[in-house]
Amino acid sequence: MDIGFLQKLFGVEQHWHGPCTVVVEADASIQNAGTDAIVGGGAKAYAPRIISGRINADAICLLKDGAALLIIQQQRIRQPTGEEIIKQSLTATDPTHVVAVEFLDTSPLTTLGLPVPAPKTSGSHSGTSNRPK
């Protein structure tokens, strides 16, 4: 992805931005597709792992010089005592290897100077169009 576009999107002030998904051209994220378990006889059964280039970011920051895109992921772990611990992991990525950035809303459009499109109110199939006649 072009560094100039990332600077328009995230600014050059080096501030943290809200949640998004960063897609990089690498196998950068490993996630469980279920839960690990201990079965009869004490044997461990591991859930299948999914390896992808999608990184779910809780916070993201582009460095001023554009040398790296910093991605923070948070995990909430509930202890048996009921206490909740938050662990954070940091991933520093090369902006030239970023393929796409997905946001949960359309607010980044305003930072790019684009109007937010009006939501479609009719029809039951969002994202589809009628075939031209």
N, C-alpha and C. Protein backbone atom coordinates (compact mmCIF):
# COMPACT_ATOMS: atom_id res chain seq x y z
N MET A 1 0.86 -1.16 0.00
CA MET A 1 0.00 0.00 0.00
C MET A 1 0.91 1.23 0.00
N ASP A 2 0.47 2.25 -0.65
CA ASP A 2 1.24 3.48 -0.77
C ASP A 2 1.35 4.18 0.59
N ILE A 3 2.57 4.57 0.96
CA ILE A 3 2.80 5.22 2.25
C ILE A 3 2.06 6.56 2.34
N GLY A 4 1.93 7.26 1.22
CA GLY A 4 1.19 8.52 1.21
C GLY A 4 -0.28 8.33 1.56
N PHE A 5 -0.87 7.24 1.08
CA PHE A 5 -2.26 6.94 1.40
C PHE A 5 -2.41 6.61 2.88
N LEU A 6 -1.48 5.82 3.42
CA LEU A 6 -1.53 5.50 4.85
C LEU A 6 -1.37 6.75 5.70
N GLN A 7 -0.55 7.70 5.24
CA GLN A 7 -0.39 8.96 5.98
C GLN A 7 -1.66 9.79 5.93
N LYS A 8 -2.39 9.76 4.82
CA LYS A 8 -3.68 10.44 4.75
C LYS A 8 -4.68 9.78 5.69
N LEU A 9 -4.64 8.47 5.73
CA LEU A 9 -5.59 7.71 6.52
C LEU A 9 -5.35 7.85 8.02
N PHE A 10 -4.08 7.72 8.44
CA PHE A 10 -3.74 7.74 9.86
C PHE A 10 -3.07 9.03 10.32
N GLY A 11 -2.76 9.93 9.40
CA GLY A 11 -2.12 11.18 9.76
C GLY A 11 -0.63 11.01 10.00
N VAL A 12 0.07 12.12 10.15
CA VAL A 12 1.51 12.08 10.38
C VAL A 12 1.86 12.55 11.79
N GLU A 13 0.84 12.71 12.65
CA GLU A 13 1.06 13.20 14.02
C GLU A 13 1.44 12.09 14.98
N GLN A 14 1.44 10.85 14.54
CA GLN A 14 1.81 9.70 15.36
C GLN A 14 0.85 9.54 16.54
N HIS A 15 -0.47 9.46 16.23
CA HIS A 15 -1.51 9.22 17.24
C HIS A 15 -2.05 7.81 17.08
N TRP A 16 -2.59 7.27 18.18
CA TRP A 16 -3.22 5.95 18.13
C TRP A 16 -4.62 6.10 17.59
N HIS A 17 -5.03 5.18 16.73
CA HIS A 17 -6.36 5.16 16.15
C HIS A 17 -7.08 3.91 16.60
N GLY A 18 -8.39 3.92 16.46
CA GLY A 18 -9.25 2.85 16.95
C GLY A 18 -9.12 1.53 16.23
N PRO A 19 -10.02 0.62 16.53
CA PRO A 19 -9.91 -0.75 16.02
C PRO A 19 -10.08 -0.83 14.50
N CYS A 20 -9.35 -1.77 13.92
CA CYS A 20 -9.44 -2.06 12.50
C CYS A 20 -8.78 -3.41 12.26
N THR A 21 -8.82 -3.88 11.04
CA THR A 21 -8.16 -5.11 10.65
C THR A 21 -7.14 -4.76 9.58
N VAL A 22 -5.89 -5.16 9.80
CA VAL A 22 -4.82 -4.90 8.84
C VAL A 22 -4.53 -6.20 8.11
N VAL A 23 -4.51 -6.14 6.79
CA VAL A 23 -4.20 -7.31 5.97
C VAL A 23 -2.80 -7.09 5.41
N VAL A 24 -1.89 -8.01 5.75
CA VAL A 24 -0.51 -7.92 5.27
C VAL A 24 -0.21 -9.11 4.37
N GLU A 25 0.78 -8.94 3.51
CA GLU A 25 1.14 -10.02 2.60
C GLU A 25 2.12 -10.97 3.28
N ALA A 26 1.62 -11.61 4.34
CA ALA A 26 2.41 -12.59 5.10
C ALA A 26 1.45 -13.41 5.96
N ASP A 27 1.92 -14.55 6.42
CA ASP A 27 1.15 -15.35 7.37
C ASP A 27 1.46 -14.82 8.76
N ALA A 28 0.76 -13.74 9.15
CA ALA A 28 1.12 -13.00 10.34
C ALA A 28 0.27 -13.29 11.55
N SER A 29 -0.83 -13.98 11.39
CA SER A 29 -1.75 -14.17 12.50
C SER A 29 -2.14 -15.64 12.59
N ILE A 30 -2.07 -16.18 13.79
CA ILE A 30 -2.48 -17.56 14.03
C ILE A 30 -3.61 -17.52 15.05
N GLN A 31 -4.76 -18.09 14.69
CA GLN A 31 -5.91 -18.08 15.58
C GLN A 31 -6.46 -19.48 15.72
N ASN A 32 -7.02 -19.76 16.88
CA ASN A 32 -7.67 -21.06 17.12
C ASN A 32 -9.04 -21.07 16.48
N ALA A 33 -9.40 -22.18 15.85
CA ALA A 33 -10.73 -22.33 15.28
C ALA A 33 -11.62 -23.12 16.23
N GLY A 34 -11.29 -23.13 17.48
CA GLY A 34 -12.04 -23.85 18.51
C GLY A 34 -11.28 -23.74 19.81
N THR A 35 -11.52 -24.68 20.73
CA THR A 35 -10.82 -24.65 22.00
C THR A 35 -9.97 -25.90 22.15
N ASP A 36 -8.83 -25.75 22.79
CA ASP A 36 -7.99 -26.89 23.12
C ASP A 36 -8.63 -27.62 24.31
N ALA A 37 -8.43 -28.91 24.40
CA ALA A 37 -9.05 -29.67 25.48
C ALA A 37 -8.16 -30.84 25.89
N ILE A 38 -8.39 -31.30 27.11
CA ILE A 38 -7.74 -32.52 27.59
C ILE A 38 -8.80 -33.61 27.58
N VAL A 39 -8.54 -34.66 26.82
CA VAL A 39 -9.52 -35.74 26.68
C VAL A 39 -9.14 -36.90 27.60
N GLY A 40 -9.87 -37.97 27.51
CA GLY A 40 -9.63 -39.13 28.37
C GLY A 40 -8.20 -39.61 28.33
N GLY A 41 -7.69 -40.00 29.48
CA GLY A 41 -6.31 -40.48 29.58
C GLY A 41 -5.28 -39.36 29.62
N GLY A 42 -5.74 -38.14 29.72
CA GLY A 42 -4.82 -37.01 29.81
C GLY A 42 -4.23 -36.57 28.48
N ALA A 43 -4.72 -37.14 27.37
CA ALA A 43 -4.22 -36.74 26.05
C ALA A 43 -4.79 -35.36 25.70
N LYS A 44 -3.97 -34.53 25.11
CA LYS A 44 -4.41 -33.20 24.73
C LYS A 44 -4.92 -33.21 23.29
N ALA A 45 -6.05 -32.57 23.08
CA ALA A 45 -6.61 -32.41 21.74
C ALA A 45 -6.53 -30.93 21.40
N TYR A 46 -5.79 -30.62 20.37
CA TYR A 46 -5.60 -29.22 19.98
C TYR A 46 -6.58 -28.83 18.89
N ALA A 47 -7.17 -27.65 19.04
CA ALA A 47 -8.07 -27.14 18.02
C ALA A 47 -7.25 -26.77 16.79
N PRO A 48 -7.85 -26.86 15.60
CA PRO A 48 -7.11 -26.48 14.40
C PRO A 48 -6.74 -25.00 14.44
N ARG A 49 -5.60 -24.68 13.88
CA ARG A 49 -5.13 -23.30 13.84
C ARG A 49 -5.37 -22.73 12.44
N ILE A 50 -5.74 -21.46 12.38
CA ILE A 50 -5.93 -20.77 11.11
C ILE A 50 -4.81 -19.74 10.98
N ILE A 51 -4.05 -19.86 9.91
CA ILE A 51 -2.93 -18.94 9.68
C ILE A 51 -3.33 -18.00 8.55
N SER A 52 -3.26 -16.70 8.80
CA SER A 52 -3.64 -15.74 7.77
C SER A 52 -2.82 -14.47 7.90
N GLY A 53 -3.01 -13.58 6.97
CA GLY A 53 -2.34 -12.28 6.99
C GLY A 53 -3.23 -11.20 7.58
N ARG A 54 -4.34 -11.59 8.20
CA ARG A 54 -5.26 -10.62 8.80
C ARG A 54 -4.91 -10.42 10.28
N ILE A 55 -4.66 -9.18 10.66
CA ILE A 55 -4.34 -8.87 12.05
C ILE A 55 -5.44 -7.96 12.58
N ASN A 56 -6.18 -8.46 13.58
CA ASN A 56 -7.22 -7.65 14.22
C ASN A 56 -6.57 -6.71 15.22
N ALA A 57 -6.61 -5.42 14.92
CA ALA A 57 -5.94 -4.42 15.75
C ALA A 57 -6.94 -3.73 16.67
N ASP A 58 -6.57 -3.61 17.94
CA ASP A 58 -7.36 -2.82 18.87
C ASP A 58 -6.94 -1.36 18.80
N ALA A 59 -5.68 -1.11 18.46
CA ALA A 59 -5.16 0.24 18.27
C ALA A 59 -4.06 0.17 17.22
N ILE A 60 -3.91 1.25 16.45
CA ILE A 60 -2.93 1.27 15.37
C ILE A 60 -2.33 2.66 15.27
N CYS A 61 -1.04 2.72 14.92
CA CYS A 61 -0.34 4.00 14.83
C CYS A 61 0.70 3.92 13.72
N LEU A 62 0.72 4.92 12.87
CA LEU A 62 1.74 5.04 11.83
C LEU A 62 2.82 5.99 12.35
N LEU A 63 4.07 5.54 12.33
CA LEU A 63 5.16 6.40 12.80
C LEU A 63 5.30 7.63 11.91
N LYS A 64 5.82 8.72 12.47
CA LYS A 64 5.94 9.98 11.75
C LYS A 64 6.70 9.84 10.43
N ASP A 65 7.79 9.09 10.47
CA ASP A 65 8.60 8.94 9.27
C ASP A 65 8.07 7.88 8.32
N GLY A 66 6.99 7.19 8.69
CA GLY A 66 6.39 6.17 7.85
C GLY A 66 7.19 4.88 7.79
N ALA A 67 8.12 4.70 8.73
CA ALA A 67 8.99 3.52 8.71
C ALA A 67 8.27 2.26 9.17
N ALA A 68 7.24 2.41 10.02
CA ALA A 68 6.55 1.23 10.55
C ALA A 68 5.12 1.57 10.90
N LEU A 69 4.28 0.55 10.86
CA LEU A 69 2.91 0.63 11.31
C LEU A 69 2.83 -0.22 12.57
N LEU A 70 2.51 0.40 13.71
CA LEU A 70 2.46 -0.31 14.99
C LEU A 70 1.03 -0.77 15.25
N ILE A 71 0.89 -2.06 15.57
CA ILE A 71 -0.42 -2.66 15.79
C ILE A 71 -0.47 -3.26 17.19
N ILE A 72 -1.46 -2.86 17.97
CA ILE A 72 -1.66 -3.38 19.33
C ILE A 72 -2.87 -4.32 19.31
N GLN A 73 -2.68 -5.53 19.88
CA GLN A 73 -3.77 -6.47 20.07
C GLN A 73 -3.92 -6.71 21.57
N GLN A 74 -5.17 -6.75 22.05
CA GLN A 74 -5.42 -6.98 23.47
C GLN A 74 -6.16 -8.30 23.65
N GLN A 75 -5.76 -9.02 24.69
CA GLN A 75 -6.45 -10.24 25.06
C GLN A 75 -6.90 -10.12 26.51
N ARG A 76 -8.16 -10.42 26.75
CA ARG A 76 -8.69 -10.43 28.12
C ARG A 76 -8.71 -11.87 28.60
N ILE A 77 -8.03 -12.11 29.73
CA ILE A 77 -7.95 -13.44 30.30
C ILE A 77 -8.59 -13.42 31.68
N ARG A 78 -9.61 -14.25 31.86
CA ARG A 78 -10.29 -14.31 33.15
C ARG A 78 -9.64 -15.41 33.99
N GLN A 79 -9.17 -15.03 35.15
CA GLN A 79 -8.54 -15.96 36.08
C GLN A 79 -9.60 -16.77 36.82
N PRO A 80 -9.23 -17.93 37.39
CA PRO A 80 -10.21 -18.71 38.17
C PRO A 80 -10.78 -17.92 39.35
N THR A 81 -10.05 -16.91 39.81
CA THR A 81 -10.54 -16.09 40.93
C THR A 81 -11.57 -15.06 40.49
N GLY A 82 -11.78 -14.94 39.17
CA GLY A 82 -12.72 -13.95 38.65
C GLY A 82 -12.03 -12.68 38.19
N GLU A 83 -10.76 -12.54 38.54
CA GLU A 83 -10.00 -11.36 38.13
C GLU A 83 -9.74 -11.42 36.63
N GLU A 84 -9.81 -10.28 35.98
CA GLU A 84 -9.57 -10.21 34.54
C GLU A 84 -8.25 -9.51 34.28
N ILE A 85 -7.39 -10.16 33.51
CA ILE A 85 -6.09 -9.61 33.16
C ILE A 85 -6.10 -9.25 31.68
N ILE A 86 -5.58 -8.08 31.36
CA ILE A 86 -5.49 -7.65 29.96
C ILE A 86 -4.04 -7.73 29.53
N LYS A 87 -3.77 -8.54 28.51
CA LYS A 87 -2.43 -8.65 27.96
C LYS A 87 -2.43 -7.98 26.60
N GLN A 88 -1.39 -7.21 26.33
CA GLN A 88 -1.26 -6.52 25.06
C GLN A 88 -0.05 -7.06 24.31
N SER A 89 -0.21 -7.20 22.99
CA SER A 89 0.92 -7.58 22.16
C SER A 89 1.09 -6.51 21.08
N LEU A 90 2.33 -6.26 20.73
CA LEU A 90 2.68 -5.23 19.75
C LEU A 90 3.27 -5.90 18.52
N THR A 91 2.76 -5.52 17.35
CA THR A 91 3.32 -5.98 16.09
C THR A 91 3.75 -4.75 15.30
N ALA A 92 4.99 -4.71 14.90
CA ALA A 92 5.51 -3.62 14.05
C ALA A 92 5.59 -4.17 12.63
N THR A 93 4.86 -3.55 11.71
CA THR A 93 4.83 -4.02 10.34
C THR A 93 5.44 -3.01 9.39
N ASP A 94 5.95 -3.49 8.29
CA ASP A 94 6.47 -2.65 7.23
C ASP A 94 5.27 -2.14 6.43
N PRO A 95 5.07 -0.82 6.34
CA PRO A 95 3.89 -0.30 5.63
C PRO A 95 3.83 -0.71 4.16
N THR A 96 4.97 -1.02 3.56
CA THR A 96 4.94 -1.43 2.15
C THR A 96 4.37 -2.83 1.97
N HIS A 97 4.24 -3.60 3.06
CA HIS A 97 3.67 -4.94 2.99
C HIS A 97 2.22 -4.99 3.43
N VAL A 98 1.62 -3.81 3.68
CA VAL A 98 0.21 -3.74 4.03
C VAL A 98 -0.59 -3.79 2.74
N VAL A 99 -1.52 -4.73 2.67
CA VAL A 99 -2.34 -4.89 1.47
C VAL A 99 -3.65 -4.12 1.59
N ALA A 100 -4.25 -4.15 2.79
CA ALA A 100 -5.54 -3.49 2.99
C ALA A 100 -5.74 -3.17 4.47
N VAL A 101 -6.63 -2.23 4.74
CA VAL A 101 -7.04 -1.89 6.10
C VAL A 101 -8.56 -1.87 6.11
N GLU A 102 -9.17 -2.65 7.01
CA GLU A 102 -10.62 -2.70 7.12
C GLU A 102 -11.05 -2.02 8.42
N PHE A 103 -12.07 -1.17 8.33
CA PHE A 103 -12.58 -0.46 9.49
C PHE A 103 -13.98 -0.95 9.81
N LEU A 104 -14.40 -0.78 11.07
CA LEU A 104 -15.72 -1.21 11.50
C LEU A 104 -16.82 -0.23 11.10
N ASP A 105 -16.42 0.98 10.69
CA ASP A 105 -17.39 1.99 10.29
C ASP A 105 -16.83 2.80 9.13
N THR A 106 -17.55 3.83 8.73
CA THR A 106 -17.13 4.63 7.57
C THR A 106 -16.47 5.95 7.97
N SER A 107 -16.11 6.14 9.23
CA SER A 107 -15.52 7.41 9.68
C SER A 107 -14.20 7.76 8.98
N PRO A 108 -13.37 6.80 8.55
CA PRO A 108 -12.15 7.19 7.84
C PRO A 108 -12.40 7.90 6.51
N LEU A 109 -13.60 7.80 5.96
CA LEU A 109 -13.90 8.50 4.71
C LEU A 109 -13.78 10.01 4.87
N THR A 110 -14.17 10.52 6.03
CA THR A 110 -14.09 11.97 6.25
C THR A 110 -12.65 12.45 6.31
N THR A 111 -11.73 11.61 6.82
CA THR A 111 -10.32 12.01 6.85
C THR A 111 -9.72 12.03 5.44
N LEU A 112 -10.34 11.29 4.52
CA LEU A 112 -9.89 11.30 3.13
C LEU A 112 -10.60 12.37 2.31
N GLY A 113 -11.53 13.11 2.94
CA GLY A 113 -12.26 14.16 2.24
C GLY A 113 -13.42 13.65 1.41
N LEU A 114 -13.90 12.45 1.71
CA LEU A 114 -15.02 11.87 0.97
C LEU A 114 -16.28 11.91 1.81
N PRO A 115 -17.43 12.12 1.17
CA PRO A 115 -18.68 12.07 1.94
C PRO A 115 -19.05 10.62 2.26
N VAL A 116 -19.75 10.44 3.35
CA VAL A 116 -20.23 9.11 3.73
C VAL A 116 -21.46 8.81 2.89
N PRO A 117 -21.50 7.68 2.19
CA PRO A 117 -22.67 7.38 1.36
C PRO A 117 -23.92 7.13 2.21
N ALA A 118 -25.05 7.49 1.64
CA ALA A 118 -26.32 7.28 2.34
C ALA A 118 -26.63 5.79 2.39
N PRO A 119 -27.12 5.31 3.52
CA PRO A 119 -27.45 3.88 3.60
C PRO A 119 -28.63 3.54 2.69
N LYS A 120 -28.60 2.36 2.11
CA LYS A 120 -29.68 1.88 1.25
C LYS A 120 -30.82 1.41 2.14
N THR A 121 -31.99 1.98 1.94
CA THR A 121 -33.11 1.67 2.82
C THR A 121 -34.07 0.65 2.24
N SER A 122 -34.03 0.44 0.92
CA SER A 122 -34.98 -0.52 0.34
C SER A 122 -34.24 -1.76 -0.13
N GLY A 123 -34.97 -2.84 -0.24
CA GLY A 123 -34.37 -4.09 -0.71
C GLY A 123 -33.85 -4.91 0.45
N SER A 124 -33.77 -6.20 0.24
CA SER A 124 -33.34 -7.08 1.31
C SER A 124 -31.92 -7.60 1.13
N HIS A 125 -31.32 -7.35 -0.03
CA HIS A 125 -29.98 -7.85 -0.31
C HIS A 125 -29.00 -6.69 -0.37
N SER A 126 -28.34 -6.41 0.74
CA SER A 126 -27.37 -5.32 0.74
C SER A 126 -26.16 -5.72 -0.08
N GLY A 127 -25.61 -4.77 -0.79
CA GLY A 127 -24.41 -5.02 -1.57
C GLY A 127 -24.66 -5.64 -2.93
N THR A 128 -25.90 -5.83 -3.32
CA THR A 128 -26.20 -6.38 -4.65
C THR A 128 -26.98 -5.36 -5.45
N SER A 129 -26.87 -5.44 -6.72
CA SER A 129 -27.57 -4.53 -7.61
C SER A 129 -28.47 -5.32 -8.55
N ASN A 130 -29.48 -4.64 -9.07
CA ASN A 130 -30.32 -5.27 -10.07
C ASN A 130 -29.57 -5.41 -11.38
N ARG A 131 -29.85 -6.44 -12.11
CA ARG A 131 -29.22 -6.68 -13.41
C ARG A 131 -29.78 -5.65 -14.40
N PRO A 132 -28.90 -5.01 -15.17
CA PRO A 132 -29.39 -4.05 -16.17
C PRO A 132 -30.23 -4.76 -17.24
N LYS A 133 -31.26 -4.07 -17.73
CA LYS A 133 -32.15 -4.66 -18.73
C LYS A 133 -31.76 -4.25 -20.12
